[in-house]
Amino acid sequence: MTSTTMAVPAPAAIYARVSSTAQTKRGDGLRSQETRCRDFARMKGYAVIQVFTDDLSGSLIDRPGMQAMLAWLDANRARRPVVVIDDVSRLARNLDAHLRLRSAIDEAGGRLESPSIEFGEDSDSILVENLLASVSQHQQQKNAEQTRNRMRARILNGYWCFQAPVGYRYEPKPGQGKVLVRDEPEASIIAEALEGFASGRFGTQVEVKRFLESRPAYPKDLPDGSIRHQRVVELLTRPIYAGMVEAPRWKVTRRKGHHEPIISIGTFMRIQERLRIVAYTPRRKDLNEDFPLRGAVLCHSCGTPLTACWSKGNTRRYAYYLCHARKCPDRRKSIPRERIECDFVTILDRLTPTVPMVNLVSERFRKAWDERLVRCEEEREALRSDIRTARKKIGGLVERLMDSTSPSVAKACEARISELEASALAAEEKLREQGGPKVPFTEMFELALAFLSNPRKLWDSGRFDDRRTVLKLAFPKGLRFCRVEGFRTPEVAPLFKALTAICGSFGEMARPGGESLNSLFRDLADWEEQLKHREASSGNREDAA
């Protein structure tokens, strides 16, 4: 009587890998690898017990699927399990990672096999295995190099080729590929935030952050609905929102892009200028209606913005402003809120000009505005004349070039034509930008002049936002307060300074230069925009109430 024993098939695990999660959705790479490995295991008589997968780059060693497989191998090392891979490149994409994973599989008690290559311990088998791993590494590096070259070429041509920033999305366009287009409502929210910071409506980056956090449609960073400060910095400094592209790490300088800008280049440049100067407006999170002057009033002794607090007495609480600077001689010496705020109202009253002075200023500004319009038209006509002259010279040089037989003369004519073309294009662009005002002077500056004539009216509204607006518009660099002598002479905004510069004792107007006049009109326009935003916000609150 004879007995036969049945051979127990060796246990096997299949390992499959693709480079990214996107490949698991777009293709069938993992399932194809598994099918080929199962056929191989069936042919070899192995029993496939586990299948492990990863969707990570082959240059990485610490992969979840790989670590799980090594743990399974270690738990079954007594049975000497087999690991089946479809190809050497599925294990790793560079030689160092391949050798380390190969060693880790051996130490865990596994044997590596593949339908594409026969693994062995002799020198020839090891050489072939290492060569295949090196070829796989070369292919990965070559693919990455070609991808970078194509992306660099595309951005050189003015097309963004990285992840779409907030406010944009990709949309295919015939002959151009995927191009960035505005993604609403995020694009409009970003435009309001950037233009608000450029105009001074938002005095600090913290105010931009609070504005973005208050908009439900804007994507948030953190679960509590807040946004990281770094996100705000990136938003303010990215030229892509002004219609420009760049890639400094690839040595691609800033250039005009083919996507629609969210803000103008001029707005972007004003934002960068504001980021370079020191912001004197408060950045504290604890600003509230109880202490509207907190952070805007500076300690006379050390220049530190005053903070404020409530102090509990026997029968009621008392409100104080005080300085917390460590080395300040007035540290923690409280100033009653009533005193400092009453003195501030007195300053506002002194700042309010008389009605005849306001009328005179308005009249002089209107006259200067009309003179400026005349000068702008003269400048536009001069530009048109320059363009006509350049085009006429180009025509003459072209005729001379056609008649010339001398190479040196032809080369000189071509160089001169190129210079004149560039000059004409620059003049045409400047002419397009030098348009007249879209609205008349009265409509454009009526609200700003109303505030200039009576800043206390906005302060007396009692609304916290209105009071902060008064501080930013009238005292952009803060006010110094001495505990003994009270407020020092404040440095007021340029437009309030202009009242004394424009109106003398006999009502004569000092004629500022062109740049000074431009600066005054810019300040007036900025004020108008901020006040309109404030007026619109107040109207929205009243409608909601």
Protein backbone atom coordinates (compact mmCIF):
# COMPACT_ATOMS: atom_id res chain seq x y z
CA MET A 1 0.00 0.00 0.00
CA THR A 2 1.51 3.25 -1.10
CA SER A 3 0.67 6.73 0.04
CA THR A 4 1.04 9.89 -1.99
CA THR A 5 1.46 13.38 -0.54
CA MET A 6 -0.05 16.43 -2.22
CA ALA A 7 2.43 19.36 -2.78
CA VAL A 8 1.28 22.55 -1.04
CA PRO A 9 1.55 25.52 -3.43
CA ALA A 10 3.86 28.30 -2.32
CA PRO A 11 2.02 31.44 -1.08
CA ALA A 12 2.41 34.50 -3.30
CA ALA A 13 1.69 38.21 -3.11
CA ILE A 14 1.25 40.51 -6.08
CA TYR A 15 2.63 44.04 -5.97
CA ALA A 16 1.36 46.62 -8.51
CA ARG A 17 2.13 50.34 -8.74
CA VAL A 18 1.19 53.39 -10.81
CA SER A 19 2.79 56.84 -10.50
CA SER A 20 -0.22 58.90 -9.36
CA THR A 21 -3.78 58.73 -8.11
CA ALA A 22 -4.97 60.21 -11.41
CA GLN A 23 -3.70 57.13 -13.25
CA THR A 24 -5.96 54.91 -11.16
CA LYS A 25 -8.96 56.88 -12.46
CA ARG A 26 -7.96 57.49 -16.07
CA GLY A 27 -6.55 54.06 -16.92
CA ASP A 28 -6.60 50.40 -15.94
CA GLY A 29 -2.90 50.02 -15.11
CA LEU A 30 -3.27 48.36 -11.72
CA ARG A 31 -5.75 45.75 -12.94
CA SER A 32 -3.64 45.00 -16.03
CA GLN A 33 -0.56 44.42 -13.88
CA GLU A 34 -2.54 42.19 -11.52
CA THR A 35 -3.93 40.08 -14.39
CA ARG A 36 -0.48 39.46 -15.88
CA CYS A 37 0.98 38.59 -12.48
CA ARG A 38 -1.90 36.13 -11.74
CA ASP A 39 -1.31 34.34 -15.04
CA PHE A 40 2.37 34.04 -14.20
CA ALA A 41 1.63 32.74 -10.67
CA ARG A 42 -0.86 30.17 -12.06
CA MET A 43 1.74 28.96 -14.53
CA LYS A 44 4.33 28.62 -11.73
CA GLY A 45 1.87 26.92 -9.39
CA TYR A 46 1.77 29.68 -6.77
CA ALA A 47 -1.28 30.48 -4.64
CA VAL A 48 -1.96 34.24 -4.74
CA ILE A 49 -3.08 35.25 -1.25
CA GLN A 50 -2.63 39.01 -1.17
CA VAL A 51 -2.50 41.91 -3.66
CA PHE A 52 -0.76 45.13 -2.63
CA THR A 53 -0.95 48.37 -4.62
CA ASP A 54 0.48 51.90 -4.53
CA ASP A 55 -0.23 55.08 -6.49
CA LEU A 56 3.03 56.91 -5.75
CA SER A 57 6.20 57.79 -7.63
CA GLY A 58 8.73 55.01 -8.14
CA SER A 59 11.48 57.19 -6.64
CA LEU A 60 9.84 56.90 -3.20
CA ILE A 61 10.57 54.00 -0.84
CA ASP A 62 8.14 54.68 1.98
CA ARG A 63 4.86 53.66 0.29
CA PRO A 64 1.83 52.36 2.21
CA GLY A 65 1.32 49.34 -0.04
CA MET A 66 5.00 48.40 0.04
CA GLN A 67 5.19 48.68 3.83
CA ALA A 68 2.06 46.52 4.20
CA MET A 69 3.56 43.89 1.89
CA LEU A 70 6.84 43.80 3.84
CA ALA A 71 4.87 43.30 7.08
CA TRP A 72 2.92 40.43 5.45
CA LEU A 73 6.15 38.83 4.21
CA ASP A 74 7.69 39.02 7.68
CA ALA A 75 4.59 37.38 9.21
CA ASN A 76 4.75 34.53 6.68
CA ARG A 77 8.53 34.15 6.35
CA ALA A 78 8.39 30.52 7.48
CA ARG A 79 6.52 29.60 4.28
CA ARG A 80 9.06 31.47 2.09
CA PRO A 81 6.44 33.54 0.18
CA VAL A 82 6.89 34.83 -3.35
CA VAL A 83 6.45 38.44 -4.50
CA VAL A 84 5.33 38.80 -8.12
CA ILE A 85 5.81 42.10 -9.98
CA ASP A 86 4.89 42.87 -13.57
CA ASP A 87 8.16 44.64 -14.37
CA VAL A 88 11.30 46.00 -12.69
CA SER A 89 10.00 49.57 -13.13
CA ARG A 90 6.93 48.70 -11.00
CA LEU A 91 9.18 48.02 -8.02
CA ALA A 92 11.17 51.25 -8.31
CA ARG A 93 12.14 53.93 -10.81
CA ASN A 94 15.75 54.46 -9.76
CA LEU A 95 18.65 52.17 -8.96
CA ASP A 96 19.11 53.19 -5.32
CA ALA A 97 15.42 52.64 -4.46
CA HIS A 98 15.43 49.32 -6.35
CA LEU A 99 18.44 47.98 -4.43
CA ARG A 100 17.02 49.05 -1.06
CA LEU A 101 13.60 47.50 -1.72
CA ARG A 102 15.21 44.34 -3.09
CA SER A 103 17.20 44.03 0.13
CA ALA A 104 14.11 44.76 2.28
CA ILE A 105 12.14 41.96 0.52
CA ASP A 106 14.99 39.48 1.08
CA GLU A 107 15.28 40.44 4.78
CA ALA A 108 11.50 39.96 5.22
CA GLY A 109 11.84 36.41 3.88
CA GLY A 110 10.35 36.97 0.41
CA ARG A 111 11.46 35.91 -3.07
CA LEU A 112 11.07 38.28 -6.00
CA GLU A 113 9.82 36.99 -9.35
CA SER A 114 8.46 38.54 -12.55
CA PRO A 115 7.19 37.41 -15.97
CA SER A 116 9.52 40.03 -17.53
CA ILE A 117 12.84 39.01 -15.97
CA GLU A 118 14.37 36.05 -14.18
CA PHE A 119 15.93 37.14 -10.90
CA GLY A 120 19.03 35.25 -9.86
CA GLU A 121 22.00 35.45 -7.53
CA ASP A 122 24.73 34.90 -10.13
CA SER A 123 26.74 37.84 -11.45
CA ASP A 124 25.11 37.85 -14.91
CA SER A 125 21.56 37.94 -13.49
CA ILE A 126 22.48 40.72 -11.07
CA LEU A 127 24.07 42.71 -13.92
CA VAL A 128 20.93 42.40 -16.08
CA GLU A 129 18.71 43.34 -13.13
CA ASN A 130 20.79 46.42 -12.32
CA LEU A 131 20.90 47.44 -15.97
CA LEU A 132 17.10 47.26 -16.22
CA ALA A 133 16.77 49.30 -13.02
CA SER A 134 19.20 51.89 -14.43
CA VAL A 135 17.26 52.05 -17.70
CA SER A 136 14.05 52.59 -15.71
CA GLN A 137 15.73 55.42 -13.80
CA HIS A 138 16.93 56.99 -17.07
CA GLN A 139 13.41 56.85 -18.51
CA GLN A 140 11.99 58.57 -15.45
CA GLN A 141 14.61 61.32 -15.56
CA LYS A 142 14.17 61.77 -19.31
CA ASN A 143 10.39 62.03 -18.99
CA ALA A 144 10.76 64.62 -16.23
CA GLU A 145 13.27 66.58 -18.30
CA GLN A 146 11.02 66.60 -21.38
CA THR A 147 8.02 67.63 -19.29
CA ARG A 148 9.96 70.56 -17.78
CA ASN A 149 11.15 71.66 -21.23
CA ARG A 150 7.62 71.62 -22.62
CA MET A 151 6.25 73.51 -19.60
CA ARG A 152 9.04 76.10 -19.83
CA ALA A 153 8.38 76.61 -23.54
CA ARG A 154 4.68 77.10 -22.86
CA ILE A 155 5.24 79.68 -20.14
CA LEU A 156 7.76 81.45 -22.39
CA ASN A 157 4.88 81.83 -24.85
CA GLY A 158 2.72 83.45 -22.13
CA TYR A 159 0.62 80.47 -21.01
CA TRP A 160 0.32 79.42 -17.37
CA CYS A 161 1.04 75.68 -17.04
CA PHE A 162 0.88 75.01 -13.31
CA GLN A 163 -2.06 74.44 -10.99
CA ALA A 164 -4.80 77.03 -11.55
CA PRO A 165 -4.71 79.63 -8.75
CA VAL A 166 -7.83 80.53 -6.79
CA GLY A 167 -10.04 82.69 -8.99
CA TYR A 168 -9.11 80.87 -12.19
CA ARG A 169 -9.87 77.55 -13.84
CA TYR A 170 -8.58 75.87 -17.01
CA GLU A 171 -10.71 75.80 -20.13
CA PRO A 172 -9.67 74.32 -23.51
CA LYS A 173 -9.46 76.79 -26.39
CA PRO A 174 -8.94 75.88 -30.07
CA GLY A 175 -5.32 76.29 -31.12
CA GLN A 176 -4.15 77.26 -27.62
CA GLY A 177 -4.73 74.22 -25.43
CA LYS A 178 -5.91 74.76 -21.86
CA VAL A 179 -6.01 78.45 -20.93
CA LEU A 180 -6.86 80.11 -17.61
CA VAL A 181 -10.28 81.78 -17.44
CA ARG A 182 -11.99 83.63 -14.58
CA ASP A 183 -13.74 81.39 -12.09
CA GLU A 184 -16.65 83.18 -10.46
CA PRO A 185 -17.50 84.17 -7.79
CA GLU A 186 -13.94 83.75 -6.48
CA ALA A 187 -12.50 86.04 -9.19
CA SER A 188 -14.75 88.97 -8.25
CA ILE A 189 -14.00 88.48 -4.53
CA ILE A 190 -10.24 88.53 -5.23
CA ALA A 191 -10.61 91.62 -7.44
CA GLU A 192 -12.42 93.49 -4.64
CA ALA A 193 -9.78 92.43 -2.08
CA LEU A 194 -6.81 93.45 -4.27
CA GLU A 195 -8.31 96.73 -5.44
CA GLY A 196 -9.35 97.50 -1.86
CA PHE A 197 -5.78 97.04 -0.60
CA ALA A 198 -4.34 99.08 -3.49
CA SER A 199 -6.71 102.00 -2.81
CA GLY A 200 -6.26 101.92 0.98
CA ARG A 201 -9.78 100.70 1.69
CA PHE A 202 -8.04 97.85 3.52
CA GLY A 203 -5.24 99.40 5.54
CA THR A 204 -3.41 96.17 6.37
CA GLN A 205 -3.09 92.58 5.24
CA VAL A 206 -5.10 91.56 8.30
CA GLU A 207 -8.07 93.54 6.99
CA VAL A 208 -7.77 91.75 3.63
CA LYS A 209 -7.72 88.46 5.53
CA ARG A 210 -10.87 89.37 7.46
CA PHE A 211 -12.62 90.44 4.25
CA LEU A 212 -11.84 87.11 2.55
CA GLU A 213 -12.94 85.16 5.62
CA SER A 214 -16.26 87.03 5.60
CA ARG A 215 -17.06 85.83 2.07
CA PRO A 216 -18.63 82.32 2.19
CA ALA A 217 -17.78 81.63 -1.48
CA TYR A 218 -14.04 82.12 -0.95
CA PRO A 219 -12.24 78.82 -0.15
CA LYS A 220 -10.88 78.64 3.40
CA ASP A 221 -7.66 77.01 4.64
CA LEU A 222 -8.67 75.76 8.05
CA PRO A 223 -11.71 73.90 9.41
CA ASP A 224 -12.74 76.88 11.55
CA GLY A 225 -13.28 79.00 8.43
CA SER A 226 -10.10 81.07 8.76
CA ILE A 227 -7.35 81.73 6.22
CA ARG A 228 -3.61 81.47 6.79
CA HIS A 229 -1.71 84.75 6.58
CA GLN A 230 0.62 83.21 3.96
CA ARG A 231 -2.35 82.81 1.62
CA VAL A 232 -3.00 86.57 1.83
CA VAL A 233 0.68 87.35 1.12
CA GLU A 234 0.62 85.10 -1.96
CA LEU A 235 -2.60 86.72 -3.15
CA LEU A 236 -1.10 90.21 -2.92
CA THR A 237 2.21 89.37 -4.59
CA ARG A 238 1.23 87.05 -7.47
CA PRO A 239 1.54 88.83 -10.86
CA ILE A 240 -0.74 86.24 -12.49
CA TYR A 241 -3.78 88.18 -11.21
CA ALA A 242 -2.55 91.17 -13.26
CA GLY A 243 -2.41 89.08 -16.44
CA MET A 244 1.32 88.29 -16.26
CA VAL A 245 3.23 85.01 -16.01
CA GLU A 246 6.72 84.16 -14.76
CA ALA A 247 8.81 81.20 -13.60
CA PRO A 248 11.94 82.41 -11.75
CA ARG A 249 13.23 78.88 -11.01
CA TRP A 250 13.28 78.20 -14.78
CA LYS A 251 14.72 81.67 -15.50
CA VAL A 252 11.55 82.83 -17.24
CA THR A 253 11.16 86.56 -16.60
CA ARG A 254 7.81 88.26 -16.12
CA ARG A 255 5.81 88.69 -19.32
CA LYS A 256 2.26 89.30 -20.53
CA GLY A 257 0.05 86.19 -20.36
CA HIS A 258 -2.80 85.08 -22.61
CA HIS A 259 -5.32 84.86 -19.77
CA GLU A 260 -7.77 87.58 -18.70
CA PRO A 261 -6.41 89.66 -15.80
CA ILE A 262 -8.44 90.11 -12.63
CA ILE A 263 -6.78 93.46 -11.83
CA SER A 264 -4.80 95.97 -13.89
CA ILE A 265 -1.01 96.16 -13.92
CA GLY A 266 -1.24 99.61 -12.33
CA THR A 267 -3.26 98.20 -9.43
CA PHE A 268 -0.70 95.42 -8.97
CA MET A 269 2.18 97.92 -8.89
CA ARG A 270 0.36 100.03 -6.28
CA ILE A 271 -0.10 96.92 -4.14
CA GLN A 272 3.63 96.18 -4.28
CA GLU A 273 4.39 99.78 -3.37
CA ARG A 274 2.05 99.58 -0.38
CA LEU A 275 3.69 96.34 0.75
CA ARG A 276 7.09 98.06 0.74
CA ILE A 277 6.08 100.92 3.03
CA VAL A 278 5.44 100.64 6.74
CA ALA A 279 1.74 100.34 7.60
CA TYR A 280 0.80 102.59 10.48
CA THR A 281 -2.81 101.42 10.71
CA PRO A 282 -3.70 98.96 13.50
CA ARG A 283 -3.21 95.22 12.97
CA ARG A 284 -4.75 93.98 16.20
CA LYS A 285 -7.55 91.45 16.25
CA ASP A 286 -9.11 92.95 19.39
CA LEU A 287 -10.20 96.24 17.82
CA ASN A 288 -13.79 96.99 18.83
CA GLU A 289 -16.33 99.75 19.39
CA ASP A 290 -15.26 100.27 23.01
CA PHE A 291 -11.88 101.73 22.02
CA PRO A 292 -11.94 103.18 18.48
CA LEU A 293 -8.55 104.92 18.96
CA ARG A 294 -6.71 101.76 20.03
CA GLY A 295 -3.60 101.28 17.91
CA ALA A 296 -4.05 104.58 16.05
CA VAL A 297 -2.75 106.77 18.90
CA LEU A 298 0.97 106.49 19.69
CA CYS A 299 2.70 106.93 23.03
CA HIS A 300 4.63 110.23 23.01
CA SER A 301 7.46 108.76 25.09
CA CYS A 302 8.28 105.67 23.00
CA GLY A 303 6.16 105.83 19.83
CA THR A 304 4.39 102.53 20.56
CA PRO A 305 0.67 102.32 19.66
CA LEU A 306 -1.47 102.61 22.77
CA THR A 307 -3.59 99.67 23.83
CA ALA A 308 -6.71 99.86 26.00
CA CYS A 309 -8.59 97.93 28.66
CA TRP A 310 -11.43 97.99 31.16
CA SER A 311 -10.65 98.38 34.88
CA LYS A 312 -13.10 97.15 37.50
CA GLY A 313 -13.92 99.56 40.35
CA ASN A 314 -16.09 99.22 43.42
CA THR A 315 -19.31 100.22 41.69
CA ARG A 316 -18.59 100.16 37.96
CA ARG A 317 -15.96 99.56 35.31
CA TYR A 318 -13.62 102.25 33.97
CA ALA A 319 -12.14 102.50 30.46
CA TYR A 320 -8.46 103.42 29.98
CA TYR A 321 -5.86 103.76 27.25
CA LEU A 322 -2.27 102.91 28.19
CA CYS A 323 1.19 101.96 26.87
CA HIS A 324 2.55 98.44 27.43
CA ALA A 325 6.09 98.92 26.05
CA ARG A 326 8.59 97.43 28.53
CA LYS A 327 11.18 100.24 28.54
CA CYS A 328 8.70 103.11 28.24
CA PRO A 329 8.73 105.55 31.22
CA ASP A 330 4.93 105.79 30.94
CA ARG A 331 4.42 102.04 30.93
CA ARG A 332 1.03 101.01 32.36
CA LYS A 333 0.18 104.60 33.33
CA SER A 334 -3.47 104.75 32.39
CA ILE A 335 -5.22 107.58 30.54
CA PRO A 336 -9.02 107.89 30.94
CA ARG A 337 -10.88 107.11 27.75
CA GLU A 338 -13.08 110.21 28.08
CA ARG A 339 -10.05 112.50 28.15
CA ILE A 340 -8.26 111.11 25.10
CA GLU A 341 -11.38 110.74 22.97
CA CYS A 342 -12.70 114.21 23.84
CA ASP A 343 -9.31 115.71 22.95
CA PHE A 344 -9.43 113.83 19.66
CA VAL A 345 -12.84 115.30 18.81
CA THR A 346 -11.36 118.74 19.50
CA ILE A 347 -8.64 118.01 16.95
CA LEU A 348 -11.27 117.00 14.41
CA ASP A 349 -13.07 120.28 15.04
CA ARG A 350 -9.86 122.23 14.46
CA LEU A 351 -9.31 120.19 11.31
CA THR A 352 -12.69 121.19 9.88
CA PRO A 353 -12.21 124.13 7.48
CA THR A 354 -14.59 127.04 7.17
CA VAL A 355 -17.30 126.97 4.51
CA PRO A 356 -15.73 129.79 2.42
CA MET A 357 -12.41 127.92 2.48
CA VAL A 358 -14.05 124.67 1.34
CA ASN A 359 -15.83 126.48 -1.47
CA LEU A 360 -12.59 128.14 -2.52
CA VAL A 361 -10.73 124.82 -2.46
CA SER A 362 -13.47 123.14 -4.48
CA GLU A 363 -13.41 125.98 -7.01
CA ARG A 364 -9.61 125.92 -7.29
CA PHE A 365 -9.54 122.15 -7.63
CA ARG A 366 -12.16 122.33 -10.37
CA LYS A 367 -10.13 124.97 -12.20
CA ALA A 368 -6.96 122.89 -11.86
CA TRP A 369 -8.92 119.85 -13.08
CA ASP A 370 -10.00 121.74 -16.21
CA GLU A 371 -6.43 122.89 -16.83
CA ARG A 372 -5.26 119.32 -16.46
CA LEU A 373 -7.80 118.15 -19.06
CA VAL A 374 -6.45 120.75 -21.49
CA ARG A 375 -2.87 119.56 -20.87
CA CYS A 376 -3.92 115.93 -21.36
CA GLU A 377 -5.45 116.78 -24.73
CA GLU A 378 -2.25 118.61 -25.69
CA GLU A 379 -0.21 115.55 -24.68
CA ARG A 380 -2.47 113.27 -26.73
CA GLU A 381 -2.08 115.50 -29.77
CA ALA A 382 1.71 115.49 -29.30
CA LEU A 383 1.66 111.68 -29.20
CA ARG A 384 -0.41 111.54 -32.38
CA SER A 385 2.11 113.85 -34.05
CA ASP A 386 5.02 111.64 -32.91
CA ILE A 387 3.27 108.57 -34.33
CA ARG A 388 2.65 110.27 -37.68
CA THR A 389 6.28 111.44 -37.84
CA ALA A 390 7.62 107.96 -37.01
CA ARG A 391 5.39 106.32 -39.64
CA LYS A 392 6.48 108.87 -42.25
CA LYS A 393 10.16 108.21 -41.48
CA ILE A 394 9.57 104.47 -41.67
CA GLY A 395 8.01 104.87 -45.13
CA GLY A 396 11.01 106.88 -46.34
CA LEU A 397 13.48 104.34 -44.97
CA VAL A 398 11.60 101.47 -46.63
CA GLU A 399 11.85 103.21 -50.01
CA ARG A 400 15.55 103.84 -49.46
CA LEU A 401 16.04 100.22 -48.43
CA MET A 402 14.40 98.98 -51.63
CA ASP A 403 16.61 101.23 -53.80
CA SER A 404 19.86 100.52 -51.93
CA THR A 405 22.43 98.00 -53.19
CA SER A 406 24.88 98.44 -50.32
CA PRO A 407 24.66 95.77 -47.55
CA SER A 408 25.87 98.21 -44.89
CA VAL A 409 23.25 100.82 -45.83
CA ALA A 410 20.53 98.14 -45.88
CA LYS A 411 21.57 96.93 -42.42
CA ALA A 412 21.56 100.49 -41.02
CA CYS A 413 18.10 101.14 -42.52
CA GLU A 414 16.71 97.94 -41.02
CA ALA A 415 18.08 98.85 -37.58
CA ARG A 416 16.59 102.34 -37.80
CA ILE A 417 13.21 100.99 -38.96
CA SER A 418 13.18 98.63 -35.97
CA GLU A 419 13.85 101.53 -33.59
CA LEU A 420 11.12 103.68 -35.13
CA GLU A 421 8.62 100.78 -35.02
CA ALA A 422 9.30 100.29 -31.32
CA SER A 423 8.95 104.03 -30.69
CA ALA A 424 5.65 104.19 -32.60
CA LEU A 425 4.22 101.18 -30.75
CA ALA A 426 5.20 102.69 -27.38
CA ALA A 427 3.55 105.99 -28.32
CA GLU A 428 0.38 104.19 -29.47
CA GLU A 429 0.17 102.27 -26.18
CA LYS A 430 0.66 105.48 -24.20
CA LEU A 431 -2.03 107.16 -26.29
CA ARG A 432 -4.49 104.37 -25.52
CA GLU A 433 -3.76 104.67 -21.80
CA GLN A 434 -4.05 108.48 -21.81
CA GLY A 435 -7.82 108.61 -21.99
CA GLY A 436 -9.94 111.35 -20.52
CA PRO A 437 -12.05 110.99 -17.35
CA LYS A 438 -15.17 108.82 -17.62
CA VAL A 439 -17.18 111.05 -15.27
CA PRO A 440 -17.07 114.80 -14.53
CA PHE A 441 -15.17 116.29 -11.62
CA THR A 442 -18.25 116.86 -9.43
CA GLU A 443 -19.48 113.30 -9.70
CA MET A 444 -16.02 111.84 -9.16
CA PHE A 445 -14.96 113.83 -6.09
CA GLU A 446 -18.22 115.00 -4.51
CA LEU A 447 -18.13 112.48 -1.62
CA ALA A 448 -14.44 113.04 -0.88
CA LEU A 449 -14.87 116.83 -0.79
CA ALA A 450 -17.86 116.40 1.53
CA PHE A 451 -15.69 114.43 3.96
CA LEU A 452 -12.87 116.97 3.63
CA SER A 453 -15.28 119.76 4.57
CA ASN A 454 -16.50 118.02 7.77
CA PRO A 455 -14.60 114.90 8.92
CA ARG A 456 -16.31 114.98 12.31
CA LYS A 457 -19.67 114.19 10.71
CA LEU A 458 -18.45 110.72 9.80
CA TRP A 459 -16.94 110.28 13.29
CA ASP A 460 -20.20 111.28 14.98
CA SER A 461 -22.06 108.52 13.14
CA GLY A 462 -20.89 106.26 15.99
CA ARG A 463 -20.21 103.30 13.69
CA PHE A 464 -16.89 101.65 14.41
CA ASP A 465 -15.98 101.17 10.73
CA ASP A 466 -16.73 104.82 9.97
CA ARG A 467 -14.50 105.95 12.81
CA ARG A 468 -11.65 103.73 11.63
CA THR A 469 -12.10 105.25 8.17
CA VAL A 470 -11.70 108.76 9.63
CA LEU A 471 -8.46 107.70 11.32
CA LYS A 472 -7.03 106.16 8.15
CA LEU A 473 -8.01 109.06 5.88
CA ALA A 474 -7.16 112.00 8.15
CA PHE A 475 -4.23 110.61 10.22
CA PRO A 476 -2.56 107.82 8.20
CA LYS A 477 0.59 107.91 10.37
CA GLY A 478 -1.21 108.02 13.71
CA LEU A 479 -1.31 110.68 16.46
CA ARG A 480 1.07 111.09 19.40
CA PHE A 481 -0.40 111.60 22.87
CA CYS A 482 1.44 112.87 25.96
CA ARG A 483 -0.04 112.05 29.37
CA VAL A 484 0.77 115.56 30.62
CA GLU A 485 0.25 117.82 27.61
CA GLY A 486 -2.27 115.80 25.60
CA PHE A 487 -2.13 115.35 21.83
CA ARG A 488 0.96 116.63 20.07
CA THR A 489 0.70 118.39 16.70
CA PRO A 490 -0.66 115.64 14.43
CA GLU A 491 0.65 114.84 10.98
CA VAL A 492 -2.47 115.01 8.86
CA ALA A 493 -3.15 113.57 5.42
CA PRO A 494 -1.77 115.44 2.37
CA LEU A 495 -5.19 116.73 1.34
CA PHE A 496 -5.71 118.48 4.67
CA LYS A 497 -2.21 119.93 4.34
CA ALA A 498 -3.22 121.15 0.90
CA LEU A 499 -5.86 123.40 2.49
CA THR A 500 -3.15 125.60 3.99
CA ALA A 501 -0.95 125.28 0.90
CA ILE A 502 -3.76 126.24 -1.49
CA CYS A 503 -5.52 128.93 0.53
CA GLY A 504 -3.37 131.76 1.85
CA SER A 505 -4.41 134.62 4.08
CA PHE A 506 -5.85 136.53 1.10
CA GLY A 507 -7.51 133.53 -0.47
CA GLU A 508 -4.81 133.18 -3.12
CA MET A 509 -4.09 129.80 -4.56
CA ALA A 510 -0.59 128.38 -4.44
CA ARG A 511 0.00 126.68 -7.76
CA PRO A 512 1.49 123.22 -7.14
CA GLY A 513 3.64 121.60 -9.78
CA GLY A 514 2.39 118.91 -12.12
CA GLU A 515 3.49 115.98 -9.99
CA SER A 516 2.15 117.62 -6.82
CA LEU A 517 -1.19 118.24 -8.55
CA ASN A 518 -1.29 114.63 -9.77
CA SER A 519 -0.59 113.45 -6.23
CA LEU A 520 -3.45 115.54 -4.84
CA PHE A 521 -5.88 114.20 -7.45
CA ARG A 522 -4.74 110.62 -6.72
CA ASP A 523 -5.30 111.17 -3.01
CA LEU A 524 -8.71 112.65 -3.68
CA ALA A 525 -9.64 109.70 -5.92
CA ASP A 526 -8.45 107.22 -3.28
CA TRP A 527 -10.54 108.93 -0.65
CA GLU A 528 -13.55 108.87 -2.94
CA GLU A 529 -13.21 105.12 -3.51
CA GLN A 530 -12.80 104.32 0.19
CA LEU A 531 -15.75 106.49 1.19
CA LYS A 532 -17.96 104.97 -1.50
CA HIS A 533 -17.06 101.48 -0.28
CA ARG A 534 -17.81 102.56 3.29
CA GLU A 535 -21.11 104.13 2.22
CA ALA A 536 -22.10 100.97 0.31
CA SER A 537 -21.23 98.77 3.31
CA SER A 538 -23.31 100.96 5.62
CA GLY A 539 -26.23 100.76 3.20
CA ASN A 540 -26.00 96.96 3.11
CA ARG A 541 -26.04 96.82 6.92
CA GLU A 542 -29.10 99.06 7.09
CA ASP A 543 -30.91 96.94 4.47
CA ALA A 544 -30.09 93.80 6.45
CA ALA A 545 -31.41 95.41 9.64
